[in-house]
Amino acid sequence: MMSHSIARNRGTRPRVWGVPSEEVRCGINGRLEIPMDKPLTLEQVIEFLLEAPLFESLDSTELSQVVHIMQVQGFRDGQSVFREGDDGDAWYVVFRGRAVVTKESPFGPSKEIALLEGPMCFGEMAILDGSSRSATVRSEGETTVFRFPRTPFQRLLDEGNLGAYKLVLAMAQILSQRQRQITQQLADLLGEDVVGGAAVRGAIGEMLDTYTVSE
């Protein structure tokens, strides 16, 4: 039986199983590769992703089909995964290390709104509407992420892939939960005696931050 692995050797581009050759060539978009000590097997990837809430409704067979469009990207400390305003062309799962989410502010310096660790997902709204990024995500320390490109994922949906449809449903459920939380927070805010515009802006800003990680 052929072994499934994602080999990452020094001086070479990552081998990304199941991804068309033109995407393999740009698999890390010109960024520096973080070599892994050992090849990462398909079984290890599946076991890791099943721990992520977004994937918990998939069985191992469904997940293995989705994983074949996945790319592995490595980043050194401070490198951008994507920047605010970039096209929403993929969504990600943190595998190793951490990622910082920052948002530009018209009232001052950029604001850190989230710190992401494995197996947290981010950028998943790109799958739903292809909107541009509403925040910047950078690595903190050496970080490895799993990247799921939008076009191949859309192809899975067009083919009626059950695992892909389950993921879209899970994304919609997460966004629905966040919407309910924001609605409740707004109701609570309107019921309080809030003094000053700055306090109102701060409270509303915290609510909007809950959406930004997904965008």
C-alpha atoms as a PDB file:
ATOM      1  CA  MET A   1       0.000   0.000   0.000  1.00  0.00           C
ATOM      2  CA  MET A   2       1.431   3.367  -0.978  1.00  0.00           C
ATOM      3  CA  SER A   3       2.264   5.636   1.932  1.00  0.00           C
ATOM      4  CA  HIS A   4       0.529   9.024   1.968  1.00  0.00           C
ATOM      5  CA  SER A   5       2.770  11.784   3.254  1.00  0.00           C
ATOM      6  CA  ILE A   6       3.491  15.459   2.836  1.00  0.00           C
ATOM      7  CA  ALA A   7       7.257  15.642   2.617  1.00  0.00           C
ATOM      8  CA  ARG A   8       9.017  18.847   3.568  1.00  0.00           C
ATOM      9  CA  ASN A   9      12.739  18.740   2.931  1.00  0.00           C
ATOM     10  CA  ARG A  10      15.294  21.514   3.167  1.00  0.00           C
ATOM     11  CA  GLY A  11      15.881  23.350  -0.075  1.00  0.00           C
ATOM     12  CA  THR A  12      12.762  22.035  -1.798  1.00  0.00           C
ATOM     13  CA  ARG A  13       9.212  23.228  -2.229  1.00  0.00           C
ATOM     14  CA  PRO A  14       6.592  21.349  -0.238  1.00  0.00           C
ATOM     15  CA  ARG A  15       4.995  18.320  -1.816  1.00  0.00           C
ATOM     16  CA  VAL A  16       1.242  18.805  -1.555  1.00  0.00           C
ATOM     17  CA  TRP A  17      -0.670  15.605  -2.203  1.00  0.00           C
ATOM     18  CA  GLY A  18      -3.737  15.801  -4.429  1.00  0.00           C
ATOM     19  CA  VAL A  19      -3.108  19.399  -5.548  1.00  0.00           C
ATOM     20  CA  PRO A  20      -2.694  20.273  -9.258  1.00  0.00           C
ATOM     21  CA  SER A  21       0.910  20.865 -10.307  1.00  0.00           C
ATOM     22  CA  GLU A  22       0.461  24.586 -10.912  1.00  0.00           C
ATOM     23  CA  GLU A  23      -0.662  25.005  -7.297  1.00  0.00           C
ATOM     24  CA  VAL A  24       2.194  22.892  -6.004  1.00  0.00           C
ATOM     25  CA  ARG A  25       4.640  25.304  -7.605  1.00  0.00           C
ATOM     26  CA  CYS A  26       3.168  28.227  -5.681  1.00  0.00           C
ATOM     27  CA  GLY A  27       2.237  26.184  -2.632  1.00  0.00           C
ATOM     28  CA  ILE A  28       3.879  28.613  -0.211  1.00  0.00           C
ATOM     29  CA  ASN A  29       3.428  31.709  -2.379  1.00  0.00           C
ATOM     30  CA  GLY A  30       7.141  32.475  -2.344  1.00  0.00           C
ATOM     31  CA  ARG A  31       7.405  32.453   1.433  1.00  0.00           C
ATOM     32  CA  LEU A  32      10.165  30.730   3.348  1.00  0.00           C
ATOM     33  CA  GLU A  33       9.532  27.099   4.089  1.00  0.00           C
ATOM     34  CA  ILE A  34       9.675  25.811   7.648  1.00  0.00           C
ATOM     35  CA  PRO A  35      11.069  22.268   7.315  1.00  0.00           C
ATOM     36  CA  MET A  36       9.465  19.533   9.379  1.00  0.00           C
ATOM     37  CA  ASP A  37      11.628  16.973  11.138  1.00  0.00           C
ATOM     38  CA  LYS A  38       9.555  14.102   9.759  1.00  0.00           C
ATOM     39  CA  PRO A  39       7.099  13.684   6.858  1.00  0.00           C
ATOM     40  CA  LEU A  40       3.497  14.358   7.801  1.00  0.00           C
ATOM     41  CA  THR A  41       1.260  11.401   6.979  1.00  0.00           C
ATOM     42  CA  LEU A  42      -2.299  11.605   5.740  1.00  0.00           C
ATOM     43  CA  GLU A  43      -3.452   9.745   8.846  1.00  0.00           C
ATOM     44  CA  GLN A  44      -1.815  12.367  11.092  1.00  0.00           C
ATOM     45  CA  VAL A  45      -3.474  15.189   9.182  1.00  0.00           C
ATOM     46  CA  ILE A  46      -6.904  13.567   9.469  1.00  0.00           C
ATOM     47  CA  GLU A  47      -6.473  12.842  13.175  1.00  0.00           C
ATOM     48  CA  PHE A  48      -5.469  16.454  13.808  1.00  0.00           C
ATOM     49  CA  LEU A  49      -8.307  18.008  11.781  1.00  0.00           C
ATOM     50  CA  LEU A  50     -10.946  15.857  13.453  1.00  0.00           C
ATOM     51  CA  GLU A  51     -10.097  17.743  16.652  1.00  0.00           C
ATOM     52  CA  ALA A  52     -11.188  21.025  15.037  1.00  0.00           C
ATOM     53  CA  PRO A  53     -14.863  21.931  15.670  1.00  0.00           C
ATOM     54  CA  LEU A  54     -15.347  22.765  12.002  1.00  0.00           C
ATOM     55  CA  PHE A  55     -14.498  19.194  10.963  1.00  0.00           C
ATOM     56  CA  GLU A  56     -16.126  17.226  13.769  1.00  0.00           C
ATOM     57  CA  SER A  57     -19.171  16.184  11.691  1.00  0.00           C
ATOM     58  CA  LEU A  58     -16.996  14.510   9.012  1.00  0.00           C
ATOM     59  CA  ASP A  59     -15.898  10.903   9.152  1.00  0.00           C
ATOM     60  CA  SER A  60     -12.357   9.932   8.199  1.00  0.00           C
ATOM     61  CA  THR A  61     -13.306   8.959   4.620  1.00  0.00           C
ATOM     62  CA  GLU A  62     -15.058  12.273   3.944  1.00  0.00           C
ATOM     63  CA  LEU A  63     -12.196  14.206   5.477  1.00  0.00           C
ATOM     64  CA  SER A  64      -9.566  12.369   3.436  1.00  0.00           C
ATOM     65  CA  GLN A  65     -11.325  13.518   0.251  1.00  0.00           C
ATOM     66  CA  VAL A  66     -11.241  17.151   1.375  1.00  0.00           C
ATOM     67  CA  VAL A  67      -7.628  16.892   2.545  1.00  0.00           C
ATOM     68  CA  HIS A  68      -6.503  16.112  -1.018  1.00  0.00           C
ATOM     69  CA  ILE A  69      -7.015  19.765  -1.980  1.00  0.00           C
ATOM     70  CA  MET A  70      -5.076  20.952   1.069  1.00  0.00           C
ATOM     71  CA  GLN A  71      -1.746  22.759   0.939  1.00  0.00           C
ATOM     72  CA  VAL A  72       0.823  23.033   3.738  1.00  0.00           C
ATOM     73  CA  GLN A  73       2.385  26.448   4.280  1.00  0.00           C
ATOM     74  CA  GLY A  74       5.219  27.405   6.604  1.00  0.00           C
ATOM     75  CA  PHE A  75       5.891  30.912   7.924  1.00  0.00           C
ATOM     76  CA  ARG A  76       8.696  32.463   9.882  1.00  0.00           C
ATOM     77  CA  ASP A  77       8.033  34.862  12.731  1.00  0.00           C
ATOM     78  CA  GLY A  78       6.115  37.957  11.617  1.00  0.00           C
ATOM     79  CA  GLN A  79       5.300  36.838   8.077  1.00  0.00           C
ATOM     80  CA  SER A  80       1.833  37.571   6.721  1.00  0.00           C
ATOM     81  CA  VAL A  81      -0.524  34.711   5.919  1.00  0.00           C
ATOM     82  CA  PHE A  82      -2.707  37.338   4.251  1.00  0.00           C
ATOM     83  CA  ARG A  83      -3.269  41.071   4.574  1.00  0.00           C
ATOM     84  CA  GLU A  84      -6.346  43.178   5.086  1.00  0.00           C
ATOM     85  CA  GLY A  85      -7.879  43.867   1.659  1.00  0.00           C
ATOM     86  CA  ASP A  86      -6.452  40.737  -0.018  1.00  0.00           C
ATOM     87  CA  ASP A  87      -8.786  38.526  -2.032  1.00  0.00           C
ATOM     88  CA  GLY A  88     -10.476  35.800   0.003  1.00  0.00           C
ATOM     89  CA  ASP A  89      -9.058  32.889  -1.955  1.00  0.00           C
ATOM     90  CA  ALA A  90      -8.687  30.261   0.804  1.00  0.00           C
ATOM     91  CA  TRP A  91      -9.333  29.358   4.414  1.00  0.00           C
ATOM     92  CA  TYR A  92      -6.876  27.985   6.933  1.00  0.00           C
ATOM     93  CA  VAL A  93      -6.300  25.787   9.957  1.00  0.00           C
ATOM     94  CA  VAL A  94      -3.409  26.429  12.358  1.00  0.00           C
ATOM     95  CA  PHE A  95      -1.342  23.240  12.659  1.00  0.00           C
ATOM     96  CA  ARG A  96       1.737  24.374  14.575  1.00  0.00           C
ATOM     97  CA  GLY A  97       2.657  27.673  16.154  1.00  0.00           C
ATOM     98  CA  ARG A  98       0.367  30.675  16.507  1.00  0.00           C
ATOM     99  CA  ALA A  99      -1.126  33.398  14.315  1.00  0.00           C
ATOM    100  CA  VAL A 100      -2.048  36.951  15.302  1.00  0.00           C
ATOM    101  CA  VAL A 101      -5.068  38.705  13.802  1.00  0.00           C
ATOM    102  CA  THR A 102      -4.832  42.509  13.538  1.00  0.00           C
ATOM    103  CA  LYS A 103      -7.288  45.087  12.225  1.00  0.00           C
ATOM    104  CA  GLU A 104      -6.498  48.530  10.862  1.00  0.00           C
ATOM    105  CA  SER A 105      -8.168  51.360  12.778  1.00  0.00           C
ATOM    106  CA  PRO A 106      -9.119  54.824  11.463  1.00  0.00           C
ATOM    107  CA  PHE A 107      -8.642  56.167  14.999  1.00  0.00           C
ATOM    108  CA  GLY A 108      -5.068  55.003  15.593  1.00  0.00           C
ATOM    109  CA  PRO A 109      -2.631  52.120  15.196  1.00  0.00           C
ATOM    110  CA  SER A 110      -3.749  48.664  14.137  1.00  0.00           C
ATOM    111  CA  LYS A 111      -5.450  46.617  16.822  1.00  0.00           C
ATOM    112  CA  GLU A 112      -4.732  43.011  17.781  1.00  0.00           C
ATOM    113  CA  ILE A 113      -8.074  41.232  17.993  1.00  0.00           C
ATOM    114  CA  ALA A 114      -7.238  37.523  18.266  1.00  0.00           C
ATOM    115  CA  LEU A 115      -4.464  35.019  18.835  1.00  0.00           C
ATOM    116  CA  LEU A 116      -5.002  31.710  17.024  1.00  0.00           C
ATOM    117  CA  GLU A 117      -3.571  28.301  17.912  1.00  0.00           C
ATOM    118  CA  GLY A 118      -4.127  24.802  16.558  1.00  0.00           C
ATOM    119  CA  PRO A 119      -6.591  23.495  15.586  1.00  0.00           C
ATOM    120  CA  MET A 120      -8.334  26.864  15.168  1.00  0.00           C
ATOM    121  CA  CYS A 121      -9.682  27.858  11.734  1.00  0.00           C
ATOM    122  CA  PHE A 122      -9.700  31.298  10.145  1.00  0.00           C
ATOM    123  CA  GLY A 123     -10.727  32.946   6.893  1.00  0.00           C
ATOM    124  CA  GLU A 124     -13.560  30.506   6.258  1.00  0.00           C
ATOM    125  CA  MET A 125     -16.004  33.166   5.030  1.00  0.00           C
ATOM    126  CA  ALA A 126     -13.925  33.276   1.824  1.00  0.00           C
ATOM    127  CA  ILE A 127     -15.476  29.927   0.912  1.00  0.00           C
ATOM    128  CA  LEU A 128     -18.985  31.322   1.261  1.00  0.00           C
ATOM    129  CA  ASP A 129     -18.719  34.629  -0.585  1.00  0.00           C
ATOM    130  CA  GLY A 130     -15.145  35.232  -1.780  1.00  0.00           C
ATOM    131  CA  SER A 131     -15.062  38.604  -0.015  1.00  0.00           C
ATOM    132  CA  SER A 132     -11.812  40.443   0.597  1.00  0.00           C
ATOM    133  CA  ARG A 133      -9.983  40.034   3.888  1.00  0.00           C
ATOM    134  CA  SER A 134     -11.161  42.307   6.682  1.00  0.00           C
ATOM    135  CA  ALA A 135      -8.004  41.824   8.775  1.00  0.00           C
ATOM    136  CA  THR A 136      -4.338  40.856   8.572  1.00  0.00           C
ATOM    137  CA  VAL A 137      -3.055  37.526   9.893  1.00  0.00           C
ATOM    138  CA  ARG A 138       0.635  37.126  10.758  1.00  0.00           C
ATOM    139  CA  SER A 139       2.618  34.291  12.249  1.00  0.00           C
ATOM    140  CA  GLU A 140       3.937  34.518  15.775  1.00  0.00           C
ATOM    141  CA  GLY A 141       7.081  32.432  15.820  1.00  0.00           C
ATOM    142  CA  GLU A 142       7.555  29.656  13.284  1.00  0.00           C
ATOM    143  CA  THR A 143       4.075  28.602  12.230  1.00  0.00           C
ATOM    144  CA  THR A 144       2.611  25.931   9.957  1.00  0.00           C
ATOM    145  CA  VAL A 145      -0.916  26.169   8.582  1.00  0.00           C
ATOM    146  CA  PHE A 146      -3.123  23.998   6.398  1.00  0.00           C
ATOM    147  CA  ARG A 147      -4.528  25.976   3.464  1.00  0.00           C
ATOM    148  CA  PHE A 148      -7.755  25.031   1.670  1.00  0.00           C
ATOM    149  CA  PRO A 149      -7.992  26.966  -1.641  1.00  0.00           C
ATOM    150  CA  ARG A 150     -11.419  28.276  -2.588  1.00  0.00           C
ATOM    151  CA  THR A 151     -11.474  27.151  -6.242  1.00  0.00           C
ATOM    152  CA  PRO A 152     -10.716  23.436  -5.629  1.00  0.00           C
ATOM    153  CA  PHE A 153     -13.115  23.474  -2.674  1.00  0.00           C
ATOM    154  CA  GLN A 154     -15.827  24.936  -4.903  1.00  0.00           C
ATOM    155  CA  ARG A 155     -15.094  22.132  -7.355  1.00  0.00           C
ATOM    156  CA  LEU A 156     -15.785  19.595  -4.595  1.00  0.00           C
ATOM    157  CA  LEU A 157     -19.143  21.276  -3.977  1.00  0.00           C
ATOM    158  CA  ASP A 158     -19.956  21.214  -7.699  1.00  0.00           C
ATOM    159  CA  GLU A 159     -19.202  17.475  -7.694  1.00  0.00           C
ATOM    160  CA  GLY A 160     -21.598  16.916  -4.790  1.00  0.00           C
ATOM    161  CA  ASN A 161     -18.883  15.965  -2.294  1.00  0.00           C
ATOM    162  CA  LEU A 162     -20.626  15.247   1.034  1.00  0.00           C
ATOM    163  CA  GLY A 163     -17.649  16.251   3.180  1.00  0.00           C
ATOM    164  CA  ALA A 164     -17.453  19.665   1.496  1.00  0.00           C
ATOM    165  CA  TYR A 165     -21.170  20.235   2.044  1.00  0.00           C
ATOM    166  CA  LYS A 166     -20.825  19.293   5.721  1.00  0.00           C
ATOM    167  CA  LEU A 167     -18.054  21.856   6.087  1.00  0.00           C
ATOM    168  CA  VAL A 168     -20.169  24.601   4.516  1.00  0.00           C
ATOM    169  CA  LEU A 169     -23.009  23.702   6.884  1.00  0.00           C
ATOM    170  CA  ALA A 170     -20.630  23.865   9.846  1.00  0.00           C
ATOM    171  CA  MET A 171     -19.378  27.271   8.690  1.00  0.00           C
ATOM    172  CA  ALA A 172     -22.949  28.556   8.427  1.00  0.00           C
ATOM    173  CA  GLN A 173     -23.753  27.243  11.911  1.00  0.00           C
ATOM    174  CA  ILE A 174     -20.703  28.963  13.403  1.00  0.00           C
ATOM    175  CA  LEU A 175     -21.618  32.259  11.735  1.00  0.00           C
ATOM    176  CA  SER A 176     -25.217  31.886  12.927  1.00  0.00           C
ATOM    177  CA  GLN A 177     -24.038  31.394  16.506  1.00  0.00           C
ATOM    178  CA  ARG A 178     -21.858  34.487  16.274  1.00  0.00           C
ATOM    179  CA  GLN A 179     -24.784  36.477  14.871  1.00  0.00           C
ATOM    180  CA  ARG A 180     -26.973  35.467  17.804  1.00  0.00           C
ATOM    181  CA  GLN A 181     -24.222  36.440  20.242  1.00  0.00           C
ATOM    182  CA  ILE A 182     -23.863  39.866  18.632  1.00  0.00           C
ATOM    183  CA  THR A 183     -27.619  40.397  18.643  1.00  0.00           C
ATOM    184  CA  GLN A 184     -27.749  39.598  22.358  1.00  0.00           C
ATOM    185  CA  GLN A 185     -24.763  41.830  23.108  1.00  0.00           C
ATOM    186  CA  LEU A 186     -26.382  44.714  21.231  1.00  0.00           C
ATOM    187  CA  ALA A 187     -29.610  44.201  23.169  1.00  0.00           C
ATOM    188  CA  ASP A 188     -27.682  44.204  26.438  1.00  0.00           C
ATOM    189  CA  LEU A 189     -25.783  47.342  25.388  1.00  0.00           C
ATOM    190  CA  LEU A 190     -28.976  49.217  24.530  1.00  0.00           C
ATOM    191  CA  GLY A 191     -30.367  48.287  27.937  1.00  0.00           C
ATOM    192  CA  GLU A 192     -27.389  49.768  29.800  1.00  0.00           C
ATOM    193  CA  ASP A 193     -26.529  53.345  30.664  1.00  0.00           C
ATOM    194  CA  VAL A 194     -23.421  53.788  28.534  1.00  0.00           C
ATOM    195  CA  VAL A 195     -21.719  57.162  28.927  1.00  0.00           C
ATOM    196  CA  GLY A 196     -19.688  58.617  26.074  1.00  0.00           C
ATOM    197  CA  GLY A 197     -19.246  57.782  22.408  1.00  0.00           C
ATOM    198  CA  ALA A 198     -15.884  56.115  23.007  1.00  0.00           C
ATOM    199  CA  ALA A 199     -17.487  53.525  25.256  1.00  0.00           C
ATOM    200  CA  VAL A 200     -20.134  52.762  22.641  1.00  0.00           C
ATOM    201  CA  ARG A 201     -17.534  52.484  19.880  1.00  0.00           C
ATOM    202  CA  GLY A 202     -15.453  50.159  22.020  1.00  0.00           C
ATOM    203  CA  ALA A 203     -18.364  47.879  22.850  1.00  0.00           C
ATOM    204  CA  ILE A 204     -19.543  47.656  19.242  1.00  0.00           C
ATOM    205  CA  GLY A 205     -15.983  47.151  18.024  1.00  0.00           C
ATOM    206  CA  GLU A 206     -15.569  44.100  20.251  1.00  0.00           C
ATOM    207  CA  MET A 207     -18.723  42.621  18.768  1.00  0.00           C
ATOM    208  CA  LEU A 208     -17.505  43.122  15.209  1.00  0.00           C
ATOM    209  CA  ASP A 209     -14.167  41.516  16.055  1.00  0.00           C
ATOM    210  CA  THR A 210     -15.942  38.173  16.539  1.00  0.00           C
ATOM    211  CA  TYR A 211     -16.682  38.160  12.800  1.00  0.00           C
ATOM    212  CA  THR A 212     -13.308  39.383  11.600  1.00  0.00           C
ATOM    213  CA  VAL A 213     -11.417  36.127  12.267  1.00  0.00           C
ATOM    214  CA  SER A 214     -13.746  34.275   9.905  1.00  0.00           C
ATOM    215  CA  GLU A 215     -13.370  36.847   7.144  1.00  0.00           C
END
